[in-house]
Amino acid sequence: MEANQQFKTFEDLETYKAARAFRKGMYAVSRRLPSFEKFELASQIRRAAVSLTNNIAEGHGRWHWLDHIKFLLQARGSLQELIDDLNTREDESYIPAPEVAELKQRGWHVLRLINGYLRHLRDRKTGDSFTLHDAPTPYGDTDDDLEPWIASLTFEPR
């Protein structure tokens, strides 16, 4: 999608596309766990992987920017849970270390995209941007102003 082209659905988001590809990779690896892990770790991995993309989609469908942010934060939490599950797989030698490293690299890429999307929503709320888009942004591994800003948000209970 070109930078000046607006998207129409959550499926057009670069963030969603990357998260969906990561979810598929996690599902594939969950199928290769030992039989005694099929109902424990594999089930947990599948729930967290679906939560990742579901929360991106649901947040996009919300009309209030704080709701949108809340769901992106949930997606970010599910993503980090999946990365920890990769650590478990590596610790227990369920999959080869190079495969774990490649999946973790893809996961951290998704995290950078989610953080960039959060920054975009923050900037949109403060007036720096008036159209909703998911244009490529040069992401760093850390964002010193993102975490304090998220901590300052107040979410109203439903």
C-alpha atoms as a PDB file:
ATOM      1  CA  MET A   1       0.000   0.000   0.000  1.00  0.00           C
ATOM      2  CA  GLU A   2       1.367   3.431  -0.903  1.00  0.00           C
ATOM      3  CA  ALA A   3       2.138   5.881   1.904  1.00  0.00           C
ATOM      4  CA  ASN A   4      -0.534   8.380   0.775  1.00  0.00           C
ATOM      5  CA  GLN A   5      -3.244   5.734   0.331  1.00  0.00           C
ATOM      6  CA  GLN A   6      -5.661   5.403   3.247  1.00  0.00           C
ATOM      7  CA  PHE A   7      -6.614   1.934   4.399  1.00  0.00           C
ATOM      8  CA  LYS A   8     -10.176   0.739   4.670  1.00  0.00           C
ATOM      9  CA  THR A   9     -10.078  -2.131   7.156  1.00  0.00           C
ATOM     10  CA  PHE A  10      -7.823  -3.495   9.868  1.00  0.00           C
ATOM     11  CA  GLU A  11      -6.617  -6.070   7.334  1.00  0.00           C
ATOM     12  CA  ASP A  12      -4.868  -3.258   5.448  1.00  0.00           C
ATOM     13  CA  LEU A  13      -2.718  -2.329   8.460  1.00  0.00           C
ATOM     14  CA  GLU A  14       0.957  -3.243   8.176  1.00  0.00           C
ATOM     15  CA  THR A  15       0.818  -3.958  11.918  1.00  0.00           C
ATOM     16  CA  TYR A  16      -2.016  -6.457  11.492  1.00  0.00           C
ATOM     17  CA  LYS A  17      -0.374  -8.160   8.502  1.00  0.00           C
ATOM     18  CA  ALA A  18       2.879  -8.704  10.428  1.00  0.00           C
ATOM     19  CA  ALA A  19       0.999  -9.909  13.524  1.00  0.00           C
ATOM     20  CA  ARG A  20      -1.030 -12.322  11.401  1.00  0.00           C
ATOM     21  CA  ALA A  21       2.120 -13.797   9.850  1.00  0.00           C
ATOM     22  CA  PHE A  22       3.637 -14.153  13.327  1.00  0.00           C
ATOM     23  CA  ARG A  23       0.450 -15.845  14.585  1.00  0.00           C
ATOM     24  CA  LYS A  24       0.650 -18.359  11.729  1.00  0.00           C
ATOM     25  CA  GLY A  25       4.262 -19.132  12.653  1.00  0.00           C
ATOM     26  CA  MET A  26       3.364 -19.649  16.299  1.00  0.00           C
ATOM     27  CA  TYR A  27       0.478 -21.962  15.357  1.00  0.00           C
ATOM     28  CA  ALA A  28       2.816 -24.010  13.172  1.00  0.00           C
ATOM     29  CA  VAL A  29       5.306 -24.422  15.998  1.00  0.00           C
ATOM     30  CA  SER A  30       2.572 -25.274  18.510  1.00  0.00           C
ATOM     31  CA  ARG A  31       1.663 -28.286  16.360  1.00  0.00           C
ATOM     32  CA  ARG A  32       5.195 -29.663  16.842  1.00  0.00           C
ATOM     33  CA  LEU A  33       5.193 -29.734  20.642  1.00  0.00           C
ATOM     34  CA  PRO A  34       5.495 -33.041  22.499  1.00  0.00           C
ATOM     35  CA  SER A  35       2.175 -34.809  23.118  1.00  0.00           C
ATOM     36  CA  PHE A  36       2.179 -34.016  26.857  1.00  0.00           C
ATOM     37  CA  GLU A  37       2.309 -30.269  25.978  1.00  0.00           C
ATOM     38  CA  LYS A  38      -0.523 -30.374  23.411  1.00  0.00           C
ATOM     39  CA  PHE A  39      -3.224 -29.449  25.935  1.00  0.00           C
ATOM     40  CA  GLU A  40      -1.157 -27.121  28.095  1.00  0.00           C
ATOM     41  CA  LEU A  41       1.475 -25.040  26.329  1.00  0.00           C
ATOM     42  CA  ALA A  42       0.057 -25.485  22.818  1.00  0.00           C
ATOM     43  CA  SER A  43      -3.389 -24.372  23.930  1.00  0.00           C
ATOM     44  CA  GLN A  44      -1.953 -21.330  25.713  1.00  0.00           C
ATOM     45  CA  ILE A  45       0.103 -20.403  22.646  1.00  0.00           C
ATOM     46  CA  ARG A  46      -2.912 -20.607  20.357  1.00  0.00           C
ATOM     47  CA  ARG A  47      -5.027 -18.441  22.685  1.00  0.00           C
ATOM     48  CA  ALA A  48      -2.301 -15.778  22.975  1.00  0.00           C
ATOM     49  CA  ALA A  49      -1.648 -15.833  19.212  1.00  0.00           C
ATOM     50  CA  VAL A  50      -5.329 -15.294  18.415  1.00  0.00           C
ATOM     51  CA  SER A  51      -5.507 -12.606  21.111  1.00  0.00           C
ATOM     52  CA  LEU A  52      -2.691 -10.737  19.369  1.00  0.00           C
ATOM     53  CA  THR A  53      -4.542 -10.311  16.085  1.00  0.00           C
ATOM     54  CA  ASN A  54      -8.033 -10.133  17.617  1.00  0.00           C
ATOM     55  CA  ASN A  55      -7.049  -7.170  19.764  1.00  0.00           C
ATOM     56  CA  ILE A  56      -5.506  -5.289  16.836  1.00  0.00           C
ATOM     57  CA  ALA A  57      -8.716  -5.870  14.860  1.00  0.00           C
ATOM     58  CA  GLU A  58     -11.056  -4.981  17.714  1.00  0.00           C
ATOM     59  CA  GLY A  59      -9.113  -1.859  18.621  1.00  0.00           C
ATOM     60  CA  HIS A  60      -9.293  -0.703  15.018  1.00  0.00           C
ATOM     61  CA  GLY A  61     -13.055  -1.114  15.142  1.00  0.00           C
ATOM     62  CA  ARG A  62     -13.418   1.177  18.136  1.00  0.00           C
ATOM     63  CA  TRP A  63     -14.373   4.784  17.525  1.00  0.00           C
ATOM     64  CA  HIS A  64     -12.779   6.186  20.666  1.00  0.00           C
ATOM     65  CA  TRP A  65      -9.010   6.537  20.557  1.00  0.00           C
ATOM     66  CA  LEU A  66      -8.548   5.406  24.189  1.00  0.00           C
ATOM     67  CA  ASP A  67     -10.377   2.157  23.440  1.00  0.00           C
ATOM     68  CA  HIS A  68      -8.204   1.704  20.369  1.00  0.00           C
ATOM     69  CA  ILE A  69      -5.067   2.176  22.490  1.00  0.00           C
ATOM     70  CA  LYS A  70      -6.339  -0.170  25.206  1.00  0.00           C
ATOM     71  CA  PHE A  71      -6.760  -2.993  22.693  1.00  0.00           C
ATOM     72  CA  LEU A  72      -3.335  -2.353  21.171  1.00  0.00           C
ATOM     73  CA  LEU A  73      -1.840  -2.610  24.651  1.00  0.00           C
ATOM     74  CA  GLN A  74      -3.632  -5.939  25.101  1.00  0.00           C
ATOM     75  CA  ALA A  75      -2.185  -7.111  21.775  1.00  0.00           C
ATOM     76  CA  ARG A  76       1.269  -6.020  22.925  1.00  0.00           C
ATOM     77  CA  GLY A  77       0.869  -8.041  26.121  1.00  0.00           C
ATOM     78  CA  SER A  78      -0.206 -11.144  24.178  1.00  0.00           C
ATOM     79  CA  LEU A  79       2.789 -10.724  21.882  1.00  0.00           C
ATOM     80  CA  GLN A  80       5.227 -10.591  24.773  1.00  0.00           C
ATOM     81  CA  GLU A  81       3.562 -13.659  26.281  1.00  0.00           C
ATOM     82  CA  LEU A  82       4.238 -15.473  22.997  1.00  0.00           C
ATOM     83  CA  ILE A  83       7.877 -14.407  23.049  1.00  0.00           C
ATOM     84  CA  ASP A  84       8.145 -15.863  26.553  1.00  0.00           C
ATOM     85  CA  ASP A  85       6.560 -19.072  25.238  1.00  0.00           C
ATOM     86  CA  LEU A  86       9.372 -19.182  22.678  1.00  0.00           C
ATOM     87  CA  ASN A  87      11.842 -18.982  25.578  1.00  0.00           C
ATOM     88  CA  THR A  88      10.099 -21.996  27.131  1.00  0.00           C
ATOM     89  CA  ARG A  89      10.389 -23.934  23.885  1.00  0.00           C
ATOM     90  CA  GLU A  90      14.069 -23.113  23.677  1.00  0.00           C
ATOM     91  CA  ASP A  91      14.702 -23.926  27.356  1.00  0.00           C
ATOM     92  CA  GLU A  92      12.993 -27.300  26.959  1.00  0.00           C
ATOM     93  CA  SER A  93      14.653 -27.973  23.555  1.00  0.00           C
ATOM     94  CA  TYR A  94      11.272 -28.364  21.854  1.00  0.00           C
ATOM     95  CA  ILE A  95      12.475 -26.545  18.727  1.00  0.00           C
ATOM     96  CA  PRO A  96      15.988 -25.663  17.506  1.00  0.00           C
ATOM     97  CA  ALA A  97      17.549 -22.452  18.846  1.00  0.00           C
ATOM     98  CA  PRO A  98      17.952 -20.875  15.361  1.00  0.00           C
ATOM     99  CA  GLU A  99      14.218 -21.296  14.737  1.00  0.00           C
ATOM    100  CA  VAL A 100      13.419 -19.727  18.113  1.00  0.00           C
ATOM    101  CA  ALA A 101      15.739 -16.809  17.298  1.00  0.00           C
ATOM    102  CA  GLU A 102      14.062 -16.240  13.922  1.00  0.00           C
ATOM    103  CA  LEU A 103      10.576 -16.313  15.451  1.00  0.00           C
ATOM    104  CA  LYS A 104      11.626 -13.978  18.259  1.00  0.00           C
ATOM    105  CA  GLN A 105      13.076 -11.553  15.712  1.00  0.00           C
ATOM    106  CA  ARG A 106       9.730 -11.553  13.886  1.00  0.00           C
ATOM    107  CA  GLY A 107       7.948 -11.020  17.217  1.00  0.00           C
ATOM    108  CA  TRP A 108      10.122  -8.035  18.128  1.00  0.00           C
ATOM    109  CA  HIS A 109       9.392  -6.585  14.671  1.00  0.00           C
ATOM    110  CA  VAL A 110       5.662  -6.850  15.392  1.00  0.00           C
ATOM    111  CA  LEU A 111       6.250  -5.123  18.744  1.00  0.00           C
ATOM    112  CA  ARG A 112       7.996  -2.217  16.994  1.00  0.00           C
ATOM    113  CA  LEU A 113       5.040  -1.932  14.603  1.00  0.00           C
ATOM    114  CA  ILE A 114       2.540  -1.923  17.473  1.00  0.00           C
ATOM    115  CA  ASN A 115       4.590   0.736  19.288  1.00  0.00           C
ATOM    116  CA  GLY A 116       4.720   2.801  16.098  1.00  0.00           C
ATOM    117  CA  TYR A 117       0.965   2.493  15.700  1.00  0.00           C
ATOM    118  CA  LEU A 118       0.532   3.615  19.319  1.00  0.00           C
ATOM    119  CA  ARG A 119       2.754   6.639  18.607  1.00  0.00           C
ATOM    120  CA  HIS A 120       0.644   7.400  15.547  1.00  0.00           C
ATOM    121  CA  LEU A 121      -2.548   7.338  17.639  1.00  0.00           C
ATOM    122  CA  ARG A 122      -0.918   9.550  20.256  1.00  0.00           C
ATOM    123  CA  ASP A 123       0.171  12.035  17.598  1.00  0.00           C
ATOM    124  CA  ARG A 124      -3.254  11.927  15.962  1.00  0.00           C
ATOM    125  CA  LYS A 125      -4.883  12.759  19.297  1.00  0.00           C
ATOM    126  CA  THR A 126      -2.508  15.659  19.902  1.00  0.00           C
ATOM    127  CA  GLY A 127      -3.176  17.024  16.407  1.00  0.00           C
ATOM    128  CA  ASP A 128       0.018  16.055  14.609  1.00  0.00           C
ATOM    129  CA  SER A 129      -1.908  13.882  12.159  1.00  0.00           C
ATOM    130  CA  PHE A 130      -5.524  14.001  11.052  1.00  0.00           C
ATOM    131  CA  THR A 131      -5.869  10.916   8.868  1.00  0.00           C
ATOM    132  CA  LEU A 132      -5.730   7.372  10.139  1.00  0.00           C
ATOM    133  CA  HIS A 133      -2.943   5.463   8.417  1.00  0.00           C
ATOM    134  CA  ASP A 134      -0.242   2.941   9.130  1.00  0.00           C
ATOM    135  CA  ALA A 135       2.626   4.326   7.077  1.00  0.00           C
ATOM    136  CA  PRO A 136       6.109   2.903   7.584  1.00  0.00           C
ATOM    137  CA  THR A 137       7.958   4.776  10.304  1.00  0.00           C
ATOM    138  CA  PRO A 138      11.603   4.370  11.328  1.00  0.00           C
ATOM    139  CA  TYR A 139      11.146   2.442  14.579  1.00  0.00           C
ATOM    140  CA  GLY A 140      13.731   2.142  17.291  1.00  0.00           C
ATOM    141  CA  ASP A 141      13.953  -0.676  19.766  1.00  0.00           C
ATOM    142  CA  THR A 142      12.948   1.658  22.580  1.00  0.00           C
ATOM    143  CA  ASP A 143      10.800   4.740  22.822  1.00  0.00           C
ATOM    144  CA  ASP A 144      11.484   6.675  26.003  1.00  0.00           C
ATOM    145  CA  ASP A 145       8.393   8.846  25.668  1.00  0.00           C
ATOM    146  CA  LEU A 146       5.902   6.081  24.781  1.00  0.00           C
ATOM    147  CA  GLU A 147       5.788   4.262  28.127  1.00  0.00           C
ATOM    148  CA  PRO A 148       5.279   7.401  30.287  1.00  0.00           C
ATOM    149  CA  TRP A 149       2.563   8.577  27.901  1.00  0.00           C
ATOM    150  CA  ILE A 150       0.738   5.234  28.129  1.00  0.00           C
ATOM    151  CA  ALA A 151       1.068   5.309  31.925  1.00  0.00           C
ATOM    152  CA  SER A 152      -0.524   8.770  31.985  1.00  0.00           C
ATOM    153  CA  LEU A 153      -3.679   7.612  30.179  1.00  0.00           C
ATOM    154  CA  THR A 154      -6.796   7.026  32.211  1.00  0.00           C
ATOM    155  CA  PHE A 155      -9.198   4.358  31.079  1.00  0.00           C
ATOM    156  CA  GLU A 156     -12.797   4.565  32.182  1.00  0.00           C
ATOM    157  CA  PRO A 157     -14.295   1.293  33.414  1.00  0.00           C
ATOM    158  CA  ARG A 158     -17.083  -0.083  31.266  1.00  0.00           C
END
